[in-house]
PDB file of N, CA and C in Angstrom:
ATOM      1  N   MET A   1     -50.664 -53.154 -69.358  1.00  0.00           N
ATOM      2  CA  MET A   1     -51.052 -54.267 -69.653  1.00  0.00           C
ATOM      3  C   MET A   1     -50.046 -55.745 -69.481  1.00  0.00           C
ATOM      4  N   HIS A   2     -50.534 -56.763 -69.096  1.00  0.00           N
ATOM      5  CA  HIS A   2     -49.245 -58.017 -69.158  1.00  0.00           C
ATOM      6  C   HIS A   2     -49.632 -58.804 -70.425  1.00  0.00           C
ATOM      7  N   ASP A   3     -48.476 -58.697 -71.889  1.00  0.00           N
ATOM      8  CA  ASP A   3     -48.939 -60.083 -72.346  1.00  0.00           C
ATOM      9  C   ASP A   3     -47.469 -61.021 -72.305  1.00  0.00           C
ATOM     10  N   THR A   4     -47.577 -61.605 -71.121  1.00  0.00           N
ATOM     11  CA  THR A   4     -46.767 -62.993 -71.215  1.00  0.00           C
ATOM     12  C   THR A   4     -47.807 -64.204 -70.412  1.00  0.00           C
ATOM     13  N   CYS A   5     -46.892 -65.041 -70.958  1.00  0.00           N
ATOM     14  CA  CYS A   5     -48.119 -66.210 -70.766  1.00  0.00           C
ATOM     15  C   CYS A   5     -49.390 -66.607 -69.667  1.00  0.00           C
ATOM     16  N   ARG A   6     -48.526 -66.507 -68.437  1.00  0.00           N
ATOM     17  CA  ARG A   6     -49.154 -66.613 -67.177  1.00  0.00           C
ATOM     18  C   ARG A   6     -49.847 -64.811 -66.756  1.00  0.00           C
ATOM     19  N   PHE A   7     -49.589 -63.756 -66.926  1.00  0.00           N
ATOM     20  CA  PHE A   7     -50.021 -62.823 -66.311  1.00  0.00           C
ATOM     21  C   PHE A   7     -50.755 -61.805 -67.770  1.00  0.00           C
ATOM     22  N   LYS A   8     -51.478 -63.058 -68.963  1.00  0.00           N
ATOM     23  CA  LYS A   8     -51.330 -62.173 -70.207  1.00  0.00           C
ATOM     24  C   LYS A   8     -53.013 -61.289 -70.097  1.00  0.00           C
ATOM     25  N   GLY A   9     -52.966 -60.329 -69.832  1.00  0.00           N
ATOM     26  CA  GLY A   9     -54.380 -59.697 -70.377  1.00  0.00           C
ATOM     27  C   GLY A   9     -54.637 -58.546 -68.463  1.00  0.00           C
ATOM     28  N   SER A  10     -53.581 -59.171 -67.445  1.00  0.00           N
ATOM     29  CA  SER A  10     -53.633 -59.353 -65.824  1.00  0.00           C
ATOM     30  C   SER A  10     -53.460 -57.198 -66.277  1.00  0.00           C
ATOM     31  N   THR A  11     -53.847 -56.885 -65.297  1.00  0.00           N
ATOM     32  CA  THR A  11     -53.772 -55.343 -65.097  1.00  0.00           C
ATOM     33  C   THR A  11     -53.336 -55.157 -63.581  1.00  0.00           C
ATOM     34  N   LEU A  12     -52.560 -54.021 -63.120  1.00  0.00           N
ATOM     35  CA  LEU A  12     -52.278 -53.402 -62.196  1.00  0.00           C
ATOM     36  C   LEU A  12     -53.447 -51.905 -61.785  1.00  0.00           C
ATOM     37  N   GLN A  13     -53.842 -51.744 -60.629  1.00  0.00           N
ATOM     38  CA  GLN A  13     -54.709 -50.615 -60.494  1.00  0.00           C
ATOM     39  C   GLN A  13     -54.083 -49.552 -59.925  1.00  0.00           C
ATOM     40  N   ALA A  14     -53.241 -48.618 -59.539  1.00  0.00           N
ATOM     41  CA  ALA A  14     -52.872 -47.627 -59.135  1.00  0.00           C
ATOM     42  C   ALA A  14     -53.524 -46.306 -58.522  1.00  0.00           C
ATOM     43  N   MET A  15     -53.170 -45.594 -57.397  1.00  0.00           N
ATOM     44  CA  MET A  15     -54.373 -44.542 -56.810  1.00  0.00           C
ATOM     45  C   MET A  15     -53.205 -43.490 -56.556  1.00  0.00           C
ATOM     46  N   GLY A  16     -53.369 -42.715 -56.568  1.00  0.00           N
ATOM     47  CA  GLY A  16     -52.941 -41.645 -55.671  1.00  0.00           C
ATOM     48  C   GLY A  16     -52.394 -40.054 -56.281  1.00  0.00           C
ATOM     49  N   VAL A  17     -52.357 -39.139 -55.165  1.00  0.00           N
ATOM     50  CA  VAL A  17     -51.743 -37.940 -56.236  1.00  0.00           C
ATOM     51  C   VAL A  17     -50.694 -37.265 -56.154  1.00  0.00           C
ATOM     52  N   ALA A  18     -49.629 -37.176 -57.622  1.00  0.00           N
ATOM     53  CA  ALA A  18     -48.334 -37.262 -57.387  1.00  0.00           C
ATOM     54  C   ALA A  18     -48.228 -35.381 -57.668  1.00  0.00           C
ATOM     55  N   PRO A  19     -48.098 -34.527 -56.528  1.00  0.00           N
ATOM     56  CA  PRO A  19     -47.781 -33.464 -56.984  1.00  0.00           C
ATOM     57  C   PRO A  19     -46.589 -33.125 -56.727  1.00  0.00           C
ATOM     58  N   ASN A  20     -45.532 -34.184 -56.138  1.00  0.00           N
ATOM     59  CA  ASN A  20     -44.396 -34.171 -56.297  1.00  0.00           C
ATOM     60  C   ASN A  20     -43.725 -34.573 -57.743  1.00  0.00           C
ATOM     61  N   LEU A  21     -42.122 -34.328 -57.934  1.00  0.00           N
ATOM     62  CA  LEU A  21     -41.559 -35.364 -59.132  1.00  0.00           C
ATOM     63  C   LEU A  21     -41.678 -36.794 -58.823  1.00  0.00           C
ATOM     64  N   ASP A  22     -41.256 -36.661 -57.305  1.00  0.00           N
ATOM     65  CA  ASP A  22     -41.038 -38.308 -56.656  1.00  0.00           C
ATOM     66  C   ASP A  22     -41.831 -38.198 -55.844  1.00  0.00           C
ATOM     67  N   ASP A  23     -42.473 -39.595 -55.865  1.00  0.00           N
ATOM     68  CA  ASP A  23     -43.967 -40.041 -55.044  1.00  0.00           C
ATOM     69  C   ASP A  23     -44.248 -41.027 -55.396  1.00  0.00           C
ATOM     70  N   GLU A  24     -45.549 -41.624 -54.407  1.00  0.00           N
ATOM     71  CA  GLU A  24     -45.491 -42.972 -54.234  1.00  0.00           C
ATOM     72  C   GLU A  24     -47.142 -42.936 -54.739  1.00  0.00           C
ATOM     73  N   TYR A  25     -48.109 -44.167 -55.301  1.00  0.00           N
ATOM     74  CA  TYR A  25     -49.424 -44.537 -55.635  1.00  0.00           C
ATOM     75  C   TYR A  25     -49.610 -45.742 -55.056  1.00  0.00           C
ATOM     76  N   SER A  26     -50.301 -46.006 -54.486  1.00  0.00           N
ATOM     77  CA  SER A  26     -50.779 -47.595 -53.712  1.00  0.00           C
ATOM     78  C   SER A  26     -51.525 -48.030 -54.651  1.00  0.00           C
ATOM     79  N   ILE A  27     -51.853 -49.630 -54.574  1.00  0.00           N
ATOM     80  CA  ILE A  27     -52.091 -50.751 -55.552  1.00  0.00           C
ATOM     81  C   ILE A  27     -53.289 -51.500 -54.826  1.00  0.00           C
ATOM     82  N   ASP A  28     -54.304 -50.763 -55.403  1.00  0.00           N
ATOM     83  CA  ASP A  28     -55.786 -51.098 -54.969  1.00  0.00           C
ATOM     84  C   ASP A  28     -56.292 -52.226 -55.679  1.00  0.00           C
ATOM     85  N   GLY A  29     -55.748 -52.931 -56.551  1.00  0.00           N
ATOM     86  CA  GLY A  29     -56.729 -54.395 -56.940  1.00  0.00           C
ATOM     87  C   GLY A  29     -55.972 -54.533 -58.363  1.00  0.00           C
ATOM     88  N   GLY A  30     -56.470 -55.033 -59.474  1.00  0.00           N
ATOM     89  CA  GLY A  30     -56.279 -54.833 -60.366  1.00  0.00           C
ATOM     90  C   GLY A  30     -57.354 -56.160 -61.116  1.00  0.00           C
ATOM     91  N   SER A  31     -56.877 -56.858 -62.208  1.00  0.00           N
ATOM     92  CA  SER A  31     -57.776 -58.071 -63.551  1.00  0.00           C
ATOM     93  C   SER A  31     -56.786 -59.523 -62.948  1.00  0.00           C
ATOM     94  N   GLY A  32     -57.340 -60.392 -64.081  1.00  0.00           N
ATOM     95  CA  GLY A  32     -57.135 -61.246 -63.941  1.00  0.00           C
ATOM     96  C   GLY A  32     -56.187 -61.857 -62.909  1.00  0.00           C
ATOM     97  N   GLU A  33     -55.379 -61.987 -63.010  1.00  0.00           N
ATOM     98  CA  GLU A  33     -54.350 -62.191 -61.859  1.00  0.00           C
ATOM     99  C   GLU A  33     -53.617 -61.511 -60.521  1.00  0.00           C
ATOM    100  N   PHE A  34     -54.346 -60.338 -61.095  1.00  0.00           N
ATOM    101  CA  PHE A  34     -53.673 -59.361 -60.321  1.00  0.00           C
ATOM    102  C   PHE A  34     -54.594 -58.469 -59.253  1.00  0.00           C
ATOM    103  N   ALA A  35     -55.900 -59.385 -59.365  1.00  0.00           N
ATOM    104  CA  ALA A  35     -57.047 -59.807 -58.454  1.00  0.00           C
ATOM    105  C   ALA A  35     -57.044 -59.491 -57.279  1.00  0.00           C
ATOM    106  N   LEU A  36     -57.608 -58.096 -56.510  1.00  0.00           N
ATOM    107  CA  LEU A  36     -56.802 -58.504 -54.883  1.00  0.00           C
ATOM    108  C   LEU A  36     -55.814 -57.760 -54.596  1.00  0.00           C
ATOM    109  N   ALA A  37     -54.890 -57.587 -55.903  1.00  0.00           N
ATOM    110  CA  ALA A  37     -53.978 -56.542 -55.424  1.00  0.00           C
ATOM    111  C   ALA A  37     -53.684 -55.831 -54.484  1.00  0.00           C
ATOM    112  N   ASN A  38     -52.059 -55.849 -53.594  1.00  0.00           N
ATOM    113  CA  ASN A  38     -52.455 -54.010 -52.917  1.00  0.00           C
ATOM    114  C   ASN A  38     -51.005 -54.248 -52.449  1.00  0.00           C
ATOM    115  N   GLY A  39     -50.610 -52.770 -52.317  1.00  0.00           N
ATOM    116  CA  GLY A  39     -49.101 -52.489 -52.315  1.00  0.00           C
ATOM    117  C   GLY A  39     -48.570 -50.919 -52.689  1.00  0.00           C
ATOM    118  N   VAL A  40     -47.689 -50.961 -53.182  1.00  0.00           N
ATOM    119  CA  VAL A  40     -47.169 -49.496 -52.925  1.00  0.00           C
ATOM    120  C   VAL A  40     -46.320 -49.367 -54.522  1.00  0.00           C
ATOM    121  N   VAL A  41     -46.176 -48.128 -55.082  1.00  0.00           N
ATOM    122  CA  VAL A  41     -45.279 -48.128 -56.188  1.00  0.00           C
ATOM    123  C   VAL A  41     -44.872 -46.377 -56.207  1.00  0.00           C
ATOM    124  N   ASN A  42     -43.855 -46.823 -55.993  1.00  0.00           N
ATOM    125  CA  ASN A  42     -42.726 -45.475 -55.791  1.00  0.00           C
ATOM    126  C   ASN A  42     -42.519 -44.965 -57.561  1.00  0.00           C
ATOM    127  N   ARG A  43     -43.107 -43.611 -57.156  1.00  0.00           N
ATOM    128  CA  ARG A  43     -42.421 -43.211 -58.739  1.00  0.00           C
ATOM    129  C   ARG A  43     -40.898 -41.922 -58.436  1.00  0.00           C
ATOM    130  N   VAL A  44     -39.466 -41.853 -59.354  1.00  0.00           N
ATOM    131  CA  VAL A  44     -39.109 -40.987 -59.319  1.00  0.00           C
ATOM    132  C   VAL A  44     -38.632 -40.733 -60.604  1.00  0.00           C
ATOM    133  N   VAL A  45     -38.291 -39.084 -60.537  1.00  0.00           N
ATOM    134  CA  VAL A  45     -38.371 -38.717 -61.662  1.00  0.00           C
ATOM    135  C   VAL A  45     -36.668 -38.840 -61.646  1.00  0.00           C
ATOM    136  N   TYR A  46     -36.246 -39.746 -62.749  1.00  0.00           N
ATOM    137  CA  TYR A  46     -35.030 -40.448 -64.265  1.00  0.00           C
ATOM    138  C   TYR A  46     -33.765 -39.486 -64.843  1.00  0.00           C
ATOM    139  N   SER A  47     -35.260 -38.818 -65.175  1.00  0.00           N
ATOM    140  CA  SER A  47     -34.015 -37.928 -66.265  1.00  0.00           C
ATOM    141  C   SER A  47     -35.710 -36.550 -66.659  1.00  0.00           C
ATOM    142  N   ARG A  48     -35.270 -35.598 -66.795  1.00  0.00           N
ATOM    143  CA  ARG A  48     -36.091 -34.659 -67.193  1.00  0.00           C
ATOM    144  C   ARG A  48     -35.481 -34.100 -69.199  1.00  0.00           C
ATOM    145  N   GLU A  49     -36.202 -33.952 -69.864  1.00  0.00           N
ATOM    146  CA  GLU A  49     -35.840 -33.834 -71.764  1.00  0.00           C
ATOM    147  C   GLU A  49     -36.780 -33.079 -72.215  1.00  0.00           C
ATOM    148  N   GLY A  50     -36.355 -31.613 -72.245  1.00  0.00           N
ATOM    149  CA  GLY A  50     -37.188 -30.276 -72.442  1.00  0.00           C
ATOM    150  C   GLY A  50     -38.772 -30.919 -71.601  1.00  0.00           C
ATOM    151  N   ASN A  51     -40.014 -31.108 -72.102  1.00  0.00           N
ATOM    152  CA  ASN A  51     -40.891 -31.306 -71.617  1.00  0.00           C
ATOM    153  C   ASN A  51     -41.544 -32.512 -71.412  1.00  0.00           C
ATOM    154  N   THR A  52     -40.602 -33.599 -71.885  1.00  0.00           N
ATOM    155  CA  THR A  52     -40.751 -35.039 -71.120  1.00  0.00           C
ATOM    156  C   THR A  52     -39.924 -35.513 -69.728  1.00  0.00           C
ATOM    157  N   ASP A  53     -40.795 -36.059 -68.579  1.00  0.00           N
ATOM    158  CA  ASP A  53     -40.114 -36.727 -68.096  1.00  0.00           C
ATOM    159  C   ASP A  53     -39.597 -38.303 -67.908  1.00  0.00           C
ATOM    160  N   ILE A  54     -38.279 -38.590 -67.963  1.00  0.00           N
ATOM    161  CA  ILE A  54     -37.996 -40.317 -68.065  1.00  0.00           C
ATOM    162  C   ILE A  54     -38.369 -40.750 -66.546  1.00  0.00           C
ATOM    163  N   ASP A  55     -39.621 -41.508 -65.651  1.00  0.00           N
ATOM    164  CA  ASP A  55     -39.634 -42.093 -64.326  1.00  0.00           C
ATOM    165  C   ASP A  55     -39.234 -43.265 -64.166  1.00  0.00           C
ATOM    166  N   ARG A  56     -38.953 -43.011 -62.700  1.00  0.00           N
ATOM    167  CA  ARG A  56     -38.462 -45.069 -63.076  1.00  0.00           C
ATOM    168  C   ARG A  56     -39.671 -45.256 -61.677  1.00  0.00           C
ATOM    169  N   LEU A  57     -39.987 -46.382 -62.370  1.00  0.00           N
ATOM    170  CA  LEU A  57     -40.871 -47.301 -61.406  1.00  0.00           C
ATOM    171  C   LEU A  57     -40.358 -48.257 -60.293  1.00  0.00           C
ATOM    172  N   THR A  58     -40.813 -48.303 -58.932  1.00  0.00           N
ATOM    173  CA  THR A  58     -40.830 -49.634 -58.557  1.00  0.00           C
ATOM    174  C   THR A  58     -42.071 -49.501 -58.091  1.00  0.00           C
ATOM    175  N   VAL A  59     -42.268 -50.897 -58.080  1.00  0.00           N
ATOM    176  CA  VAL A  59     -43.399 -51.937 -57.892  1.00  0.00           C
ATOM    177  C   VAL A  59     -43.579 -53.208 -56.414  1.00  0.00           C
ATOM    178  N   LYS A  60     -44.177 -52.507 -55.680  1.00  0.00           N
ATOM    179  CA  LYS A  60     -43.864 -53.871 -54.541  1.00  0.00           C
ATOM    180  C   LYS A  60     -45.283 -53.904 -53.765  1.00  0.00           C
ATOM    181  N   GLY A  61     -46.150 -54.990 -54.808  1.00  0.00           N
ATOM    182  CA  GLY A  61     -47.164 -55.842 -53.976  1.00  0.00           C
ATOM    183  C   GLY A  61     -47.305 -56.863 -53.529  1.00  0.00           C
ATOM    184  N   PHE A  62     -48.441 -57.363 -53.406  1.00  0.00           N
ATOM    185  CA  PHE A  62     -48.901 -58.562 -52.799  1.00  0.00           C
ATOM    186  C   PHE A  62     -49.746 -59.391 -53.802  1.00  0.00           C
ATOM    187  N   ILE A  63     -49.607 -60.101 -54.249  1.00  0.00           N
ATOM    188  CA  ILE A  63     -50.900 -60.788 -55.212  1.00  0.00           C
ATOM    189  C   ILE A  63     -51.264 -62.644 -54.344  1.00  0.00           C
ATOM    190  N   PRO A  64     -52.634 -62.154 -54.070  1.00  0.00           N
ATOM    191  CA  PRO A  64     -52.672 -63.531 -53.040  1.00  0.00           C
ATOM    192  C   PRO A  64     -52.624 -64.677 -54.734  1.00  0.00           C
ATOM    193  N   ILE A  65     -52.518 -65.832 -54.366  1.00  0.00           N
ATOM    194  CA  ILE A  65     -52.830 -67.116 -55.224  1.00  0.00           C
ATOM    195  C   ILE A  65     -54.189 -67.156 -55.048  1.00  0.00           C
ATOM    196  N   MET A  66     -55.050 -67.290 -56.042  1.00  0.00           N
ATOM    197  CA  MET A  66     -56.113 -67.478 -55.807  1.00  0.00           C
ATOM    198  C   MET A  66     -56.591 -68.734 -56.308  1.00  0.00           C
ATOM    199  N   ARG A  67     -56.209 -70.347 -57.223  1.00  0.00           N
ATOM    200  CA  ARG A  67     -56.486 -71.178 -57.210  1.00  0.00           C
ATOM    201  C   ARG A  67     -55.975 -71.810 -56.245  1.00  0.00           C
ATOM    202  N   ASP A  68     -55.636 -71.670 -55.227  1.00  0.00           N
ATOM    203  CA  ASP A  68     -55.067 -72.272 -54.558  1.00  0.00           C
ATOM    204  C   ASP A  68     -56.052 -72.050 -53.221  1.00  0.00           C
ATOM    205  N   LEU A  69     -56.675 -71.375 -53.292  1.00  0.00           N
ATOM    206  CA  LEU A  69     -57.987 -70.897 -52.601  1.00  0.00           C
ATOM    207  C   LEU A  69     -58.869 -72.526 -51.939  1.00  0.00           C
ATOM    208  N   HIS A  70     -59.205 -72.743 -50.882  1.00  0.00           N
ATOM    209  CA  HIS A  70     -60.318 -73.777 -51.082  1.00  0.00           C
ATOM    210  C   HIS A  70     -61.175 -72.942 -49.488  1.00  0.00           C
ATOM    211  N   VAL A  71     -62.592 -72.838 -49.597  1.00  0.00           N
ATOM    212  CA  VAL A  71     -63.560 -72.979 -49.221  1.00  0.00           C
ATOM    213  C   VAL A  71     -64.201 -74.035 -48.562  1.00  0.00           C
ATOM    214  N   SER A  72     -64.099 -74.013 -47.336  1.00  0.00           N
ATOM    215  CA  SER A  72     -65.186 -75.250 -46.735  1.00  0.00           C
ATOM    216  C   SER A  72     -66.278 -74.879 -46.477  1.00  0.00           C
ATOM    217  N   SER A  73     -67.445 -75.468 -46.326  1.00  0.00           N
ATOM    218  CA  SER A  73     -68.831 -75.112 -45.620  1.00  0.00           C
ATOM    219  C   SER A  73     -68.711 -76.195 -44.438  1.00  0.00           C
TER     220      SER A  73
END
């Protein structure tokens, strides 16, 4: 969850199965400013310390700006 002003309370939802150390997940929505988001999260194991992995996540997504949409009837 983000706590900056514009994104406060907004979340991204990512799904996927990660049987490998390096893998990707699909972004399939979110809440708040990230509603209707889509894209990909890439996970790469940066380092390992005992039973702990430190991962690098790269997020590439498209988030439509809802306030600029106008529906005409």
